[in-house]
Amino acid sequence: MPEVVIDVDSIPTVESPSVCDQVKLCVKLYPSILIFFLVILIIGGATVAIVVLGKKAVFLPCMDYNINTLASDVSVGCLQYIWTNACASKPYTIPATYKGWWIQSPSGTAMIKCTSSMTPAQCGAGSYGNIITYMQFCNFFYNQ
């Protein structure tokens, strides 16, 4: 069989239609289908927006703390959150002005149990990790 040689440069090129031309053609040929899909997109978008915007934001006041965070850096809101979730059977409201044992770190992250010879400022939970651990006993006056 003889070998066929094709001169590639002699093949005519065909311009492909632009995206705009293709969209115009679709709109002319299928207007009802395009309107249907547009309506579906609008309804779907509205539904997603209602679901997402309708949910209440979850507030996690302790999210920024790790176990080594000083107790003195922990907010009263976080203390209340831990207490409410760990001790639901023993409701207790911590005053917004609370400055007590749970949020004191007189010796870094080390927990210091209060004794009768100490002033309240000399003892404290020490760290966020200790707060989480010892609040589980559901005794707000633990170690004080």
Protein backbone atom coordinates (compact mmCIF):
# COMPACT_ATOMS: atom_id res chain seq x y z
CA MET A 1 0.00 0.00 0.00
CA PRO A 2 1.39 3.42 -0.91
CA GLU A 3 2.18 5.84 1.85
CA VAL A 4 -0.18 8.82 2.01
CA VAL A 5 1.36 12.13 2.86
CA ILE A 6 -0.91 14.89 4.10
CA ASP A 7 0.20 18.48 4.05
CA VAL A 8 -1.12 19.79 7.37
CA ASP A 9 -0.70 23.39 6.32
CA SER A 10 -3.17 22.92 3.49
CA ILE A 11 -6.05 21.80 5.77
CA PRO A 12 -8.53 24.65 6.19
CA THR A 13 -9.15 25.83 9.76
CA VAL A 14 -12.67 26.18 11.10
CA GLU A 15 -13.28 28.94 13.61
CA SER A 16 -15.02 27.67 16.72
CA PRO A 17 -17.94 29.80 17.85
CA SER A 18 -17.32 32.00 20.87
CA VAL A 19 -19.04 31.36 24.17
CA CYS A 20 -21.27 34.39 23.56
CA ASP A 21 -22.36 32.99 20.20
CA GLN A 22 -23.15 29.64 21.79
CA VAL A 23 -25.21 31.25 24.57
CA LYS A 24 -27.14 33.36 22.02
CA LEU A 25 -27.89 30.23 20.02
CA CYS A 26 -29.12 28.40 23.16
CA VAL A 27 -31.37 31.31 24.10
CA LYS A 28 -32.88 31.33 20.59
CA LEU A 29 -33.38 27.57 20.43
CA TYR A 30 -34.36 26.73 24.01
CA PRO A 31 -35.87 29.77 25.79
CA SER A 32 -38.39 27.81 27.88
CA ILE A 33 -35.75 25.38 29.17
CA LEU A 34 -33.43 28.25 30.11
CA ILE A 35 -36.25 30.05 31.94
CA PHE A 36 -37.07 26.81 33.79
CA PHE A 37 -33.46 26.38 34.97
CA LEU A 38 -33.23 30.05 35.92
CA VAL A 39 -36.36 29.71 38.08
CA ILE A 40 -34.94 26.54 39.70
CA LEU A 41 -31.67 28.36 40.48
CA ILE A 42 -33.52 31.30 42.04
CA ILE A 43 -35.74 29.05 44.16
CA GLY A 44 -32.75 26.93 45.22
CA GLY A 45 -30.69 29.99 46.10
CA ALA A 46 -33.53 31.50 48.10
CA THR A 47 -34.06 28.23 49.98
CA VAL A 48 -30.37 27.96 50.87
CA ALA A 49 -30.29 31.61 51.98
CA ILE A 50 -33.34 31.13 54.21
CA VAL A 51 -31.89 28.00 55.80
CA VAL A 52 -28.43 29.50 56.37
CA LEU A 53 -29.61 32.91 57.55
CA GLY A 54 -32.44 31.46 59.61
CA LYS A 55 -30.16 29.49 61.90
CA LYS A 56 -29.01 31.13 65.09
CA ALA A 57 -25.28 31.53 65.38
CA VAL A 58 -23.66 29.16 67.85
CA PHE A 59 -21.78 31.05 70.53
CA LEU A 60 -18.81 29.16 71.94
CA PRO A 61 -17.23 31.44 74.56
CA CYS A 62 -14.40 29.01 75.32
CA MET A 63 -13.26 28.39 71.77
CA ASP A 64 -10.11 30.53 72.00
CA TYR A 65 -8.67 28.76 75.05
CA ASN A 66 -6.41 25.72 75.28
CA ILE A 67 -5.58 23.67 78.37
CA ASN A 68 -2.52 25.81 79.13
CA THR A 69 -4.35 29.14 79.00
CA LEU A 70 -4.02 30.94 82.32
CA ALA A 71 -7.22 30.86 84.35
CA SER A 72 -6.90 34.62 84.76
CA ASP A 73 -7.38 34.94 80.97
CA VAL A 74 -10.62 32.91 80.95
CA SER A 75 -13.82 34.93 80.71
CA VAL A 76 -16.71 34.69 83.14
CA GLY A 77 -18.90 33.84 80.11
CA CYS A 78 -16.72 30.79 79.48
CA LEU A 79 -16.97 29.76 83.15
CA GLN A 80 -20.75 30.01 82.96
CA TYR A 81 -20.78 28.01 79.73
CA ILE A 82 -18.69 25.21 81.27
CA TRP A 83 -20.80 25.16 84.42
CA THR A 84 -24.08 25.12 82.51
CA ASN A 85 -22.95 22.25 80.29
CA ALA A 86 -21.14 20.17 82.91
CA CYS A 87 -23.52 20.73 85.80
CA ALA A 88 -27.00 20.99 84.30
CA SER A 89 -28.46 19.28 87.39
CA LYS A 90 -27.01 22.04 89.64
CA PRO A 91 -27.87 25.37 88.01
CA TYR A 92 -25.75 28.27 89.20
CA THR A 93 -25.40 31.78 87.84
CA ILE A 94 -21.91 33.20 88.04
CA PRO A 95 -21.97 36.99 88.50
CA ALA A 96 -20.52 38.96 85.59
CA THR A 97 -18.18 40.66 88.07
CA TYR A 98 -16.80 37.35 89.43
CA LYS A 99 -13.06 37.54 90.24
CA GLY A 100 -12.75 34.40 92.38
CA TRP A 101 -10.74 31.19 92.57
CA TRP A 102 -11.78 29.75 89.20
CA ILE A 103 -10.21 32.60 87.23
CA GLN A 104 -7.04 33.18 89.22
CA SER A 105 -3.51 32.04 88.36
CA PRO A 106 -1.20 33.27 91.12
CA SER A 107 1.40 30.63 90.21
CA GLY A 108 1.09 30.26 86.45
CA THR A 109 -0.89 27.22 85.35
CA ALA A 110 -0.42 25.41 88.68
CA MET A 111 -3.57 25.00 90.77
CA ILE A 112 -3.23 26.27 94.33
CA LYS A 113 -5.77 25.12 96.88
CA CYS A 114 -6.86 27.83 99.29
CA THR A 115 -6.03 27.40 102.96
CA SER A 116 -7.24 29.41 105.92
CA SER A 117 -3.92 31.28 106.11
CA MET A 118 -4.12 32.51 102.48
CA THR A 119 -5.86 35.50 101.04
CA PRO A 120 -8.16 34.71 98.08
CA ALA A 121 -5.64 36.27 95.67
CA GLN A 122 -2.96 33.71 96.70
CA CYS A 123 -4.84 30.67 95.40
CA GLY A 124 -6.57 29.77 92.17
CA ALA A 125 -7.41 27.20 89.50
CA GLY A 126 -4.32 28.12 87.50
CA SER A 127 -5.31 27.04 83.99
CA TYR A 128 -8.22 26.50 81.66
CA GLY A 129 -7.43 22.77 81.73
CA ASN A 130 -7.85 22.74 85.53
CA ILE A 131 -11.11 24.65 85.24
CA ILE A 132 -12.50 22.04 82.85
CA THR A 133 -11.29 19.16 84.98
CA TYR A 134 -12.46 20.38 88.38
CA MET A 135 -15.74 21.99 87.33
CA GLN A 136 -16.90 18.47 86.50
CA PHE A 137 -17.23 17.91 90.25
CA CYS A 138 -20.09 20.47 90.10
CA ASN A 139 -18.95 22.10 93.33
CA PHE A 140 -18.56 25.79 92.61
CA PHE A 141 -16.68 26.32 95.86
CA TYR A 142 -14.20 23.46 95.23
CA ASN A 143 -10.71 24.16 96.68
CA GLN A 144 -11.72 27.62 97.93
